[in-house]
């Protein structure tokens, strides 16, 4: 599990830096960067898979926000969740493993 924590922390730091440097990107949209950083960290150049990750993460984000509109302000959580879900879309882990890892990351990282 420590490996997942390291991956999530590195990716989150990259996303936070990118948002800070870019300036005009709202933190609430940071989750949209997750497939790009997944691709970079995993050395994956499959545009079709990246597009699928973007689409799936958009649906999941909107679904979460439909239950609680204030959820969109939990940008660290949504980013890490989206980043980890890229592993599901890529077929590297299943949803059960995703849930297990997210539970662990929620306990180890300051996502809220």
PDB file of N, CA and C in Angstrom:
ATOM      1  N   UNK A   1       0.818  -1.204   0.000  1.00  0.00           N
ATOM      2  CA  UNK A   1       0.000   0.000   0.000  1.00  0.00           C
ATOM      3  C   UNK A   1       0.860   1.265   0.000  1.00  0.00           C
ATOM      4  N   UNK A   2       2.026   1.165   0.561  1.00  0.00           N
ATOM      5  CA  UNK A   2       2.903   2.332   0.612  1.00  0.00           C
ATOM      6  C   UNK A   2       3.236   2.831  -0.800  1.00  0.00           C
ATOM      7  N   UNK A   3       3.344   1.901  -1.748  1.00  0.00           N
ATOM      8  CA  UNK A   3       3.619   2.275  -3.139  1.00  0.00           C
ATOM      9  C   UNK A   3       2.489   3.142  -3.699  1.00  0.00           C
ATOM     10  N   UNK A   4       1.242   2.792  -3.360  1.00  0.00           N
ATOM     11  CA  UNK A   4       0.103   3.601  -3.814  1.00  0.00           C
ATOM     12  C   UNK A   4       0.144   4.996  -3.209  1.00  0.00           C
ATOM     13  N   UNK A   5       0.522   5.066  -1.952  1.00  0.00           N
ATOM     14  CA  UNK A   5       0.626   6.359  -1.285  1.00  0.00           C
ATOM     15  C   UNK A   5       1.682   7.228  -1.975  1.00  0.00           C
ATOM     16  N   UNK A   6       2.826   6.641  -2.274  1.00  0.00           N
ATOM     17  CA  UNK A   6       3.891   7.387  -2.949  1.00  0.00           C
ATOM     18  C   UNK A   6       3.435   7.860  -4.327  1.00  0.00           C
ATOM     19  N   UNK A   7       2.790   6.984  -5.083  1.00  0.00           N
ATOM     20  CA  UNK A   7       2.295   7.358  -6.413  1.00  0.00           C
ATOM     21  C   UNK A   7       1.296   8.513  -6.315  1.00  0.00           C
ATOM     22  N   UNK A   8       0.373   8.391  -5.392  1.00  0.00           N
ATOM     23  CA  UNK A   8      -0.670   9.411  -5.243  1.00  0.00           C
ATOM     24  C   UNK A   8      -0.060  10.742  -4.809  1.00  0.00           C
ATOM     25  N   UNK A   9       0.879  10.705  -3.881  1.00  0.00           N
ATOM     26  CA  UNK A   9       1.506  11.938  -3.407  1.00  0.00           C
ATOM     27  C   UNK A   9       2.307  12.618  -4.517  1.00  0.00           C
ATOM     28  N   UNK A  10       3.054  11.843  -5.282  1.00  0.00           N
ATOM     29  CA  UNK A  10       3.843  12.404  -6.384  1.00  0.00           C
ATOM     30  C   UNK A  10       2.922  13.025  -7.426  1.00  0.00           C
ATOM     31  N   UNK A  11       1.895  12.292  -7.798  1.00  0.00           N
ATOM     32  CA  UNK A  11       0.966  12.774  -8.816  1.00  0.00           C
ATOM     33  C   UNK A  11       0.225  14.022  -8.345  1.00  0.00           C
ATOM     34  N   UNK A  12      -0.237  14.020  -7.107  1.00  0.00           N
ATOM     35  CA  UNK A  12      -0.940  15.174  -6.560  1.00  0.00           C
ATOM     36  C   UNK A  12      -0.024  16.404  -6.535  1.00  0.00           C
ATOM     37  N   UNK A  13       1.219  16.208  -6.146  1.00  0.00           N
ATOM     38  CA  UNK A  13       2.177  17.326  -6.120  1.00  0.00           C
ATOM     39  C   UNK A  13       2.393  17.881  -7.529  1.00  0.00           C
ATOM     40  N   UNK A  14       2.474  16.999  -8.517  1.00  0.00           N
ATOM     41  CA  UNK A  14       2.636  17.438  -9.899  1.00  0.00           C
ATOM     42  C   UNK A  14       1.418  18.252 -10.348  1.00  0.00           C
ATOM     43  N   UNK A  15       0.237  17.785 -10.006  1.00  0.00           N
ATOM     44  CA  UNK A  15      -0.995  18.475 -10.400  1.00  0.00           C
ATOM     45  C   UNK A  15      -1.113  19.830  -9.707  1.00  0.00           C
ATOM     46  N   UNK A  16      -0.792  19.877  -8.425  1.00  0.00           N
ATOM     47  CA  UNK A  16      -0.857  21.141  -7.685  1.00  0.00           C
ATOM     48  C   UNK A  16       0.122  22.155  -8.290  1.00  0.00           C
ATOM     49  N   UNK A  17       1.312  21.701  -8.621  1.00  0.00           N
ATOM     50  CA  UNK A  17       2.310  22.584  -9.224  1.00  0.00           C
ATOM     51  C   UNK A  17       1.826  23.074 -10.590  1.00  0.00           C
ATOM     52  N   UNK A  18       1.259  22.186 -11.380  1.00  0.00           N
ATOM     53  CA  UNK A  18       0.770  22.559 -12.711  1.00  0.00           C
ATOM     54  C   UNK A  18      -0.323  23.615 -12.612  1.00  0.00           C
ATOM     55  N   UNK A  19      -1.232  23.456 -11.660  1.00  0.00           N
ATOM     56  CA  UNK A  19      -2.313  24.426 -11.481  1.00  0.00           C
ATOM     57  C   UNK A  19      -1.743  25.766 -11.025  1.00  0.00           C
ATOM     58  N   UNK A  20      -0.782  25.722 -10.128  1.00  0.00           N
ATOM     59  CA  UNK A  20      -0.174  26.963  -9.639  1.00  0.00           C
ATOM     60  C   UNK A  20       0.586  27.690 -10.750  1.00  0.00           C
ATOM     61  N   UNK A  21       1.317  26.950 -11.562  1.00  0.00           N
ATOM     62  CA  UNK A  21       2.107  27.543 -12.637  1.00  0.00           C
ATOM     63  C   UNK A  21       1.203  28.085 -13.743  1.00  0.00           C
ATOM     64  N   UNK A  22       0.181  27.311 -14.094  1.00  0.00           N
ATOM     65  CA  UNK A  22      -0.721  27.714 -15.181  1.00  0.00           C
ATOM     66  C   UNK A  22      -1.535  28.945 -14.814  1.00  0.00           C
ATOM     67  N   UNK A  23      -1.885  29.038 -13.564  1.00  0.00           N
ATOM     68  CA  UNK A  23      -2.603  30.220 -13.096  1.00  0.00           C
ATOM     69  C   UNK A  23      -4.097  30.218 -13.347  1.00  0.00           C
ATOM     70  N   UNK A  24      -4.556  30.003 -14.541  1.00  0.00           N
ATOM     71  CA  UNK A  24      -5.978  30.148 -14.851  1.00  0.00           C
ATOM     72  C   UNK A  24      -6.824  28.912 -14.649  1.00  0.00           C
ATOM     73  N   UNK A  25      -6.236  27.804 -14.236  1.00  0.00           N
ATOM     74  CA  UNK A  25      -6.998  26.565 -14.052  1.00  0.00           C
ATOM     75  C   UNK A  25      -7.593  26.547 -12.647  1.00  0.00           C
ATOM     76  N   UNK A  26      -8.920  26.497 -12.540  1.00  0.00           N
ATOM     77  CA  UNK A  26      -9.536  26.402 -11.207  1.00  0.00           C
ATOM     78  C   UNK A  26      -9.163  25.065 -10.547  1.00  0.00           C
ATOM     79  N   UNK A  27      -8.869  25.110  -9.284  1.00  0.00           N
ATOM     80  CA  UNK A  27      -8.517  23.879  -8.565  1.00  0.00           C
ATOM     81  C   UNK A  27      -9.625  22.831  -8.670  1.00  0.00           C
ATOM     82  N   UNK A  28     -10.872  23.279  -8.795  1.00  0.00           N
ATOM     83  CA  UNK A  28     -11.994  22.345  -8.903  1.00  0.00           C
ATOM     84  C   UNK A  28     -11.897  21.493 -10.168  1.00  0.00           C
ATOM     85  N   UNK A  29     -11.131  21.932 -11.149  1.00  0.00           N
ATOM     86  CA  UNK A  29     -10.963  21.180 -12.398  1.00  0.00           C
ATOM     87  C   UNK A  29      -9.666  20.376 -12.440  1.00  0.00           C
ATOM     88  N   UNK A  30      -8.967  20.351 -11.335  1.00  0.00           N
ATOM     89  CA  UNK A  30      -7.682  19.664 -11.291  1.00  0.00           C
ATOM     90  C   UNK A  30      -7.815  18.175 -11.616  1.00  0.00           C
ATOM     91  N   UNK A  31      -8.956  17.576 -11.304  1.00  0.00           N
ATOM     92  CA  UNK A  31      -9.171  16.149 -11.585  1.00  0.00           C
ATOM     93  C   UNK A  31      -8.984  15.845 -13.071  1.00  0.00           C
ATOM     94  N   UNK A  32      -9.183  16.838 -13.921  1.00  0.00           N
ATOM     95  CA  UNK A  32      -9.063  16.644 -15.364  1.00  0.00           C
ATOM     96  C   UNK A  32      -7.612  16.385 -15.787  1.00  0.00           C
ATOM     97  N   UNK A  33      -6.666  16.740 -14.932  1.00  0.00           N
ATOM     98  CA  UNK A  33      -5.252  16.504 -15.222  1.00  0.00           C
ATOM     99  C   UNK A  33      -4.820  15.072 -14.912  1.00  0.00           C
ATOM    100  N   UNK A  34      -5.622  14.343 -14.162  1.00  0.00           N
ATOM    101  CA  UNK A  34      -5.238  13.004 -13.708  1.00  0.00           C
ATOM    102  C   UNK A  34      -4.823  12.076 -14.847  1.00  0.00           C
ATOM    103  N   UNK A  35      -5.587  11.974 -15.939  1.00  0.00           N
ATOM    104  CA  UNK A  35      -5.145  11.078 -17.022  1.00  0.00           C
ATOM    105  C   UNK A  35      -3.807  11.496 -17.642  1.00  0.00           C
ATOM    106  N   UNK A  36      -3.558  12.790 -17.704  1.00  0.00           N
ATOM    107  CA  UNK A  36      -2.296  13.261 -18.282  1.00  0.00           C
ATOM    108  C   UNK A  36      -1.106  12.863 -17.412  1.00  0.00           C
ATOM    109  N   UNK A  37      -1.272  13.016 -16.096  1.00  0.00           N
ATOM    110  CA  UNK A  37      -0.178  12.634 -15.206  1.00  0.00           C
ATOM    111  C   UNK A  37      -0.071  11.117 -15.071  1.00  0.00           C
ATOM    112  N   UNK A  38      -1.187  10.419 -15.150  1.00  0.00           N
ATOM    113  CA  UNK A  38      -1.128   8.949 -15.183  1.00  0.00           C
ATOM    114  C   UNK A  38      -0.282   8.527 -16.385  1.00  0.00           C
ATOM    115  N   UNK A  39      -0.586   9.121 -17.536  1.00  0.00           N
ATOM    116  CA  UNK A  39       0.136   8.799 -18.771  1.00  0.00           C
ATOM    117  C   UNK A  39       1.628   9.090 -18.631  1.00  0.00           C
ATOM    118  N   UNK A  40       1.948  10.235 -18.068  1.00  0.00           N
ATOM    119  CA  UNK A  40       3.347  10.623 -17.908  1.00  0.00           C
ATOM    120  C   UNK A  40       4.077   9.688 -16.951  1.00  0.00           C
ATOM    121  N   UNK A  41       3.488   9.441 -15.791  1.00  0.00           N
ATOM    122  CA  UNK A  41       4.129   8.608 -14.773  1.00  0.00           C
ATOM    123  C   UNK A  41       4.243   7.161 -15.234  1.00  0.00           C
ATOM    124  N   UNK A  42       3.227   6.686 -15.954  1.00  0.00           N
ATOM    125  CA  UNK A  42       3.199   5.291 -16.411  1.00  0.00           C
ATOM    126  C   UNK A  42       3.881   5.093 -17.766  1.00  0.00           C
ATOM    127  N   UNK A  43       4.376   6.165 -18.353  1.00  0.00           N
ATOM    128  CA  UNK A  43       5.018   6.102 -19.673  1.00  0.00           C
ATOM    129  C   UNK A  43       4.086   5.458 -20.700  1.00  0.00           C
ATOM    130  N   UNK A  44       2.852   5.959 -20.728  1.00  0.00           N
ATOM    131  CA  UNK A  44       1.824   5.419 -21.607  1.00  0.00           C
ATOM    132  C   UNK A  44       1.436   6.498 -22.624  1.00  0.00           C
ATOM    133  N   UNK A  45       1.445   6.149 -23.897  1.00  0.00           N
ATOM    134  CA  UNK A  45       1.110   7.101 -24.956  1.00  0.00           C
ATOM    135  C   UNK A  45      -0.052   6.603 -25.807  1.00  0.00           C
ATOM    136  N   UNK A  46      -1.112   6.190 -25.178  1.00  0.00           N
ATOM    137  CA  UNK A  46      -2.273   5.679 -25.895  1.00  0.00           C
ATOM    138  C   UNK A  46      -3.369   6.751 -25.834  1.00  0.00           C
ATOM    139  N   UNK A  47      -3.501   7.532 -26.899  1.00  0.00           N
ATOM    140  CA  UNK A  47      -4.461   8.644 -26.906  1.00  0.00           C
ATOM    141  C   UNK A  47      -5.896   8.175 -26.693  1.00  0.00           C
ATOM    142  N   UNK A  48      -6.246   7.028 -27.253  1.00  0.00           N
ATOM    143  CA  UNK A  48      -7.612   6.512 -27.079  1.00  0.00           C
ATOM    144  C   UNK A  48      -7.886   6.174 -25.617  1.00  0.00           C
ATOM    145  N   UNK A  49      -6.914   5.592 -24.948  1.00  0.00           N
ATOM    146  CA  UNK A  49      -7.073   5.254 -23.532  1.00  0.00           C
ATOM    147  C   UNK A  49      -7.124   6.521 -22.680  1.00  0.00           C
ATOM    148  N   UNK A  50      -6.313   7.501 -23.013  1.00  0.00           N
ATOM    149  CA  UNK A  50      -6.352   8.778 -22.288  1.00  0.00           C
ATOM    150  C   UNK A  50      -7.723   9.423 -22.454  1.00  0.00           C
ATOM    151  N   UNK A  51      -8.252   9.422 -23.676  1.00  0.00           N
ATOM    152  CA  UNK A  51      -9.586   9.981 -23.921  1.00  0.00           C
ATOM    153  C   UNK A  51     -10.655   9.251 -23.113  1.00  0.00           C
ATOM    154  N   UNK A  52     -10.522   7.932 -23.005  1.00  0.00           N
ATOM    155  CA  UNK A  52     -11.479   7.150 -22.205  1.00  0.00           C
ATOM    156  C   UNK A  52     -11.371   7.517 -20.725  1.00  0.00           C
ATOM    157  N   UNK A  53     -10.151   7.683 -20.247  1.00  0.00           N
ATOM    158  CA  UNK A  53      -9.937   8.083 -18.849  1.00  0.00           C
ATOM    159  C   UNK A  53     -10.562   9.447 -18.578  1.00  0.00           C
ATOM    160  N   UNK A  54     -10.360  10.377 -19.494  1.00  0.00           N
ATOM    161  CA  UNK A  54     -10.936  11.714 -19.348  1.00  0.00           C
ATOM    162  C   UNK A  54     -12.457  11.620 -19.259  1.00  0.00           C
ATOM    163  N   UNK A  55     -13.064  10.856 -20.160  1.00  0.00           N
ATOM    164  CA  UNK A  55     -14.527  10.742 -20.200  1.00  0.00           C
ATOM    165  C   UNK A  55     -15.068  10.075 -18.942  1.00  0.00           C
ATOM    166  N   UNK A  56     -14.447   8.998 -18.512  1.00  0.00           N
ATOM    167  CA  UNK A  56     -14.911   8.275 -17.326  1.00  0.00           C
ATOM    168  C   UNK A  56     -14.770   9.145 -16.085  1.00  0.00           C
ATOM    169  N   UNK A  57     -13.636   9.819 -15.943  1.00  0.00           N
ATOM    170  CA  UNK A  57     -13.431  10.667 -14.769  1.00  0.00           C
ATOM    171  C   UNK A  57     -14.404  11.834 -14.741  1.00  0.00           C
ATOM    172  N   UNK A  58     -14.756  12.355 -15.896  1.00  0.00           N
ATOM    173  CA  UNK A  58     -15.738  13.442 -15.972  1.00  0.00           C
ATOM    174  C   UNK A  58     -17.098  12.958 -15.462  1.00  0.00           C
ATOM    175  N   UNK A  59     -17.502  11.778 -15.885  1.00  0.00           N
ATOM    176  CA  UNK A  59     -18.784  11.210 -15.435  1.00  0.00           C
ATOM    177  C   UNK A  59     -18.767  10.991 -13.926  1.00  0.00           C
ATOM    178  N   UNK A  60     -17.681  10.424 -13.409  1.00  0.00           N
ATOM    179  CA  UNK A  60     -17.596  10.159 -11.969  1.00  0.00           C
ATOM    180  C   UNK A  60     -17.611  11.455 -11.165  1.00  0.00           C
ATOM    181  N   UNK A  61     -16.891  12.471 -11.629  1.00  0.00           N
ATOM    182  CA  UNK A  61     -16.863  13.755 -10.939  1.00  0.00           C
ATOM    183  C   UNK A  61     -18.262  14.371 -10.904  1.00  0.00           C
ATOM    184  N   UNK A  62     -18.929  14.390 -12.046  1.00  0.00           N
ATOM    185  CA  UNK A  62     -20.271  14.976 -12.107  1.00  0.00           C
ATOM    186  C   UNK A  62     -21.253  14.197 -11.234  1.00  0.00           C
ATOM    187  N   UNK A  63     -21.102  12.890 -11.194  1.00  0.00           N
ATOM    188  CA  UNK A  63     -21.984  12.081 -10.346  1.00  0.00           C
ATOM    189  C   UNK A  63     -21.758  12.415  -8.875  1.00  0.00           C
ATOM    190  N   UNK A  64     -20.509  12.527  -8.464  1.00  0.00           N
ATOM    191  CA  UNK A  64     -20.210  12.890  -7.074  1.00  0.00           C
ATOM    192  C   UNK A  64     -20.792  14.259  -6.736  1.00  0.00           C
ATOM    193  N   UNK A  65     -20.634  15.207  -7.633  1.00  0.00           N
ATOM    194  CA  UNK A  65     -21.119  16.568  -7.386  1.00  0.00           C
ATOM    195  C   UNK A  65     -22.640  16.645  -7.414  1.00  0.00           C
ATOM    196  N   UNK A  66     -23.289  15.729  -8.097  1.00  0.00           N
ATOM    197  CA  UNK A  66     -24.754  15.735  -8.132  1.00  0.00           C
ATOM    198  C   UNK A  66     -25.339  15.370  -6.775  1.00  0.00           C
ATOM    199  N   UNK A  67     -24.570  14.641  -5.968  1.00  0.00           N
ATOM    200  CA  UNK A  67     -25.023  14.278  -4.625  1.00  0.00           C
ATOM    201  C   UNK A  67     -24.761  15.399  -3.619  1.00  0.00           C
ATOM    202  N   UNK A  68     -23.702  16.174  -3.884  1.00  0.00           N
ATOM    203  CA  UNK A  68     -23.323  17.267  -2.990  1.00  0.00           C
ATOM    204  C   UNK A  68     -22.551  18.299  -3.802  1.00  0.00           C
ATOM    205  N   UNK A  69     -23.186  19.406  -4.133  1.00  0.00           N
ATOM    206  CA  UNK A  69     -22.555  20.417  -4.975  1.00  0.00           C
ATOM    207  C   UNK A  69     -21.259  20.952  -4.370  1.00  0.00           C
ATOM    208  N   UNK A  70     -21.184  21.000  -3.066  1.00  0.00           N
ATOM    209  CA  UNK A  70     -19.962  21.477  -2.409  1.00  0.00           C
ATOM    210  C   UNK A  70     -18.798  20.501  -2.562  1.00  0.00           C
ATOM    211  N   UNK A  71     -19.101  19.299  -3.005  1.00  0.00           N
ATOM    212  CA  UNK A  71     -18.069  18.289  -3.219  1.00  0.00           C
ATOM    213  C   UNK A  71     -17.002  18.771  -4.193  1.00  0.00           C
ATOM    214  N   UNK A  72     -17.383  19.628  -5.144  1.00  0.00           N
ATOM    215  CA  UNK A  72     -16.421  20.096  -6.144  1.00  0.00           C
ATOM    216  C   UNK A  72     -15.253  20.850  -5.509  1.00  0.00           C
ATOM    217  N   UNK A  73     -15.428  21.345  -4.309  1.00  0.00           N
ATOM    218  CA  UNK A  73     -14.359  22.067  -3.625  1.00  0.00           C
ATOM    219  C   UNK A  73     -13.331  21.136  -2.980  1.00  0.00           C
ATOM    220  N   UNK A  74     -13.616  19.849  -2.990  1.00  0.00           N
ATOM    221  CA  UNK A  74     -12.686  18.854  -2.444  1.00  0.00           C
ATOM    222  C   UNK A  74     -11.737  18.399  -3.550  1.00  0.00           C
ATOM    223  N   UNK A  75     -11.017  19.356  -4.117  1.00  0.00           N
ATOM    224  CA  UNK A  75     -10.230  19.116  -5.326  1.00  0.00           C
ATOM    225  C   UNK A  75      -9.115  18.096  -5.140  1.00  0.00           C
ATOM    226  N   UNK A  76      -8.510  18.026  -3.962  1.00  0.00           N
ATOM    227  CA  UNK A  76      -7.455  17.034  -3.739  1.00  0.00           C
ATOM    228  C   UNK A  76      -8.043  15.623  -3.784  1.00  0.00           C
ATOM    229  N   UNK A  77      -9.187  15.446  -3.123  1.00  0.00           N
ATOM    230  CA  UNK A  77      -9.844  14.144  -3.145  1.00  0.00           C
ATOM    231  C   UNK A  77     -10.205  13.742  -4.569  1.00  0.00           C
ATOM    232  N   UNK A  78     -10.833  14.650  -5.300  1.00  0.00           N
ATOM    233  CA  UNK A  78     -11.263  14.321  -6.660  1.00  0.00           C
ATOM    234  C   UNK A  78     -10.074  14.045  -7.574  1.00  0.00           C
ATOM    235  N   UNK A  79      -8.988  14.770  -7.373  1.00  0.00           N
ATOM    236  CA  UNK A  79      -7.807  14.503  -8.193  1.00  0.00           C
ATOM    237  C   UNK A  79      -7.270  13.101  -7.912  1.00  0.00           C
ATOM    238  N   UNK A  80      -7.041  12.778  -6.648  1.00  0.00           N
ATOM    239  CA  UNK A  80      -6.472  11.481  -6.294  1.00  0.00           C
ATOM    240  C   UNK A  80      -7.417  10.357  -6.723  1.00  0.00           C
ATOM    241  N   UNK A  81      -8.700  10.545  -6.512  1.00  0.00           N
ATOM    242  CA  UNK A  81      -9.681   9.550  -6.936  1.00  0.00           C
ATOM    243  C   UNK A  81      -9.619   9.349  -8.450  1.00  0.00           C
ATOM    244  N   UNK A  82      -9.551  10.431  -9.198  1.00  0.00           N
ATOM    245  CA  UNK A  82      -9.484  10.348 -10.660  1.00  0.00           C
ATOM    246  C   UNK A  82      -8.182   9.710 -11.118  1.00  0.00           C
ATOM    247  N   UNK A  83      -7.089  10.082 -10.485  1.00  0.00           N
ATOM    248  CA  UNK A  83      -5.787   9.497 -10.831  1.00  0.00           C
ATOM    249  C   UNK A  83      -5.816   7.987 -10.611  1.00  0.00           C
ATOM    250  N   UNK A  84      -6.293   7.583  -9.463  1.00  0.00           N
ATOM    251  CA  UNK A  84      -6.349   6.157  -9.164  1.00  0.00           C
ATOM    252  C   UNK A  84      -7.313   5.435 -10.101  1.00  0.00           C
ATOM    253  N   UNK A  85      -8.418   6.094 -10.467  1.00  0.00           N
ATOM    254  CA  UNK A  85      -9.386   5.441 -11.354  1.00  0.00           C
ATOM    255  C   UNK A  85      -8.803   5.228 -12.753  1.00  0.00           C
ATOM    256  N   UNK A  86      -7.794   5.981 -13.116  1.00  0.00           N
ATOM    257  CA  UNK A  86      -7.116   5.734 -14.395  1.00  0.00           C
ATOM    258  C   UNK A  86      -6.549   4.313 -14.440  1.00  0.00           C
ATOM    259  N   UNK A  87      -6.126   3.796 -13.288  1.00  0.00           N
ATOM    260  CA  UNK A  87      -5.622   2.419 -13.219  1.00  0.00           C
ATOM    261  C   UNK A  87      -6.745   1.414 -13.501  1.00  0.00           C
ATOM    262  N   UNK A  88      -7.962   1.762 -13.097  1.00  0.00           N
ATOM    263  CA  UNK A  88      -9.113   0.898 -13.381  1.00  0.00           C
ATOM    264  C   UNK A  88      -9.393   0.907 -14.879  1.00  0.00           C
ATOM    265  N   UNK A  89      -9.452   2.087 -15.459  1.00  0.00           N
ATOM    266  CA  UNK A  89      -9.729   2.218 -16.895  1.00  0.00           C
ATOM    267  C   UNK A  89      -8.657   1.496 -17.709  1.00  0.00           C
ATOM    268  N   UNK A  90      -7.409   1.574 -17.264  1.00  0.00           N
ATOM    269  CA  UNK A  90      -6.307   0.920 -17.968  1.00  0.00           C
ATOM    270  C   UNK A  90      -6.273  -0.589 -17.744  1.00  0.00           C
ATOM    271  N   UNK A  91      -7.122  -1.090 -16.844  1.00  0.00           N
ATOM    272  CA  UNK A  91      -7.158  -2.521 -16.574  1.00  0.00           C
ATOM    273  C   UNK A  91      -6.052  -3.006 -15.653  1.00  0.00           C
ATOM    274  N   UNK A  92      -5.418  -2.085 -14.938  1.00  0.00           N
ATOM    275  CA  UNK A  92      -4.324  -2.449 -14.021  1.00  0.00           C
ATOM    276  C   UNK A  92      -4.842  -2.926 -12.669  1.00  0.00           C
ATOM    277  N   UNK A  93      -5.997  -2.402 -12.252  1.00  0.00           N
ATOM    278  CA  UNK A  93      -6.658  -2.845 -11.030  1.00  0.00           C
ATOM    279  C   UNK A  93      -8.159  -2.907 -11.301  1.00  0.00           C
ATOM    280  N   UNK A  94      -8.886  -3.626 -10.438  1.00  0.00           N
ATOM    281  CA  UNK A  94     -10.340  -3.653 -10.573  1.00  0.00           C
ATOM    282  C   UNK A  94     -10.963  -2.681  -9.571  1.00  0.00           C
ATOM    283  N   UNK A  95     -12.273  -2.533  -9.637  1.00  0.00           N
ATOM    284  CA  UNK A  95     -12.949  -1.558  -8.773  1.00  0.00           C
ATOM    285  C   UNK A  95     -12.837  -1.912  -7.296  1.00  0.00           C
ATOM    286  N   UNK A  96     -12.790  -3.189  -6.990  1.00  0.00           N
ATOM    287  CA  UNK A  96     -12.644  -3.598  -5.590  1.00  0.00           C
ATOM    288  C   UNK A  96     -11.287  -3.138  -5.042  1.00  0.00           C
ATOM    289  N   UNK A  97     -10.238  -3.306  -5.830  1.00  0.00           N
ATOM    290  CA  UNK A  97      -8.912  -2.847  -5.421  1.00  0.00           C
ATOM    291  C   UNK A  97      -8.882  -1.317  -5.346  1.00  0.00           C
ATOM    292  N   UNK A  98      -9.542  -0.667  -6.297  1.00  0.00           N
ATOM    293  CA  UNK A  98      -9.649   0.793  -6.272  1.00  0.00           C
ATOM    294  C   UNK A  98     -10.249   1.259  -4.941  1.00  0.00           C
ATOM    295  N   UNK A  99     -11.357   0.654  -4.537  1.00  0.00           N
ATOM    296  CA  UNK A  99     -12.008   1.030  -3.275  1.00  0.00           C
ATOM    297  C   UNK A  99     -11.075   0.811  -2.087  1.00  0.00           C
ATOM    298  N   UNK A 100     -10.371  -0.306  -2.100  1.00  0.00           N
ATOM    299  CA  UNK A 100      -9.461  -0.624  -1.003  1.00  0.00           C
ATOM    300  C   UNK A 100      -8.332   0.404  -0.933  1.00  0.00           C
ATOM    301  N   UNK A 101      -7.754   0.745  -2.078  1.00  0.00           N
ATOM    302  CA  UNK A 101      -6.652   1.709  -2.107  1.00  0.00           C
ATOM    303  C   UNK A 101      -7.151   3.104  -1.728  1.00  0.00           C
ATOM    304  N   UNK A 102      -8.318   3.497  -2.240  1.00  0.00           N
ATOM    305  CA  UNK A 102      -8.856   4.820  -1.885  1.00  0.00           C
ATOM    306  C   UNK A 102      -9.126   4.919  -0.389  1.00  0.00           C
ATOM    307  N   UNK A 103      -9.630   3.869   0.214  1.00  0.00           N
ATOM    308  CA  UNK A 103      -9.835   3.874   1.667  1.00  0.00           C
ATOM    309  C   UNK A 103      -8.503   4.110   2.382  1.00  0.00           C
ATOM    310  N   UNK A 104      -7.477   3.430   1.926  1.00  0.00           N
ATOM    311  CA  UNK A 104      -6.149   3.586   2.517  1.00  0.00           C
ATOM    312  C   UNK A 104      -5.640   5.020   2.325  1.00  0.00           C
ATOM    313  N   UNK A 105      -5.734   5.524   1.108  1.00  0.00           N
ATOM    314  CA  UNK A 105      -5.241   6.871   0.818  1.00  0.00           C
ATOM    315  C   UNK A 105      -6.001   7.930   1.601  1.00  0.00           C
ATOM    316  N   UNK A 106      -7.295   7.748   1.774  1.00  0.00           N
ATOM    317  CA  UNK A 106      -8.092   8.690   2.574  1.00  0.00           C
ATOM    318  C   UNK A 106      -7.582   8.762   3.999  1.00  0.00           C
ATOM    319  N   UNK A 107      -7.117   7.640   4.521  1.00  0.00           N
ATOM    320  CA  UNK A 107      -6.602   7.606   5.886  1.00  0.00           C
ATOM    321  C   UNK A 107      -5.183   8.142   6.016  1.00  0.00           C
ATOM    322  N   UNK A 108      -4.428   8.122   4.926  1.00  0.00           N
ATOM    323  CA  UNK A 108      -3.028   8.522   4.966  1.00  0.00           C
ATOM    324  C   UNK A 108      -2.737   9.917   4.438  1.00  0.00           C
ATOM    325  N   UNK A 109      -3.633  10.449   3.614  1.00  0.00           N
ATOM    326  CA  UNK A 109      -3.375  11.745   2.984  1.00  0.00           C
ATOM    327  C   UNK A 109      -4.398  12.777   3.480  1.00  0.00           C
ATOM    328  N   UNK A 110      -4.015  14.017   3.438  1.00  0.00           N
ATOM    329  CA  UNK A 110      -4.913  15.115   3.784  1.00  0.00           C
ATOM    330  C   UNK A 110      -5.620  15.549   2.502  1.00  0.00           C
ATOM    331  N   UNK A 111      -6.746  14.898   2.199  1.00  0.00           N
ATOM    332  CA  UNK A 111      -7.455  15.151   0.954  1.00  0.00           C
ATOM    333  C   UNK A 111      -8.640  16.086   1.116  1.00  0.00           C
ATOM    334  N   UNK A 112      -8.946  16.459   2.347  1.00  0.00           N
ATOM    335  CA  UNK A 112     -10.114  17.321   2.569  1.00  0.00           C
ATOM    336  C   UNK A 112      -9.733  18.597   3.296  1.00  0.00           C
TER     337      UNK A 112
END
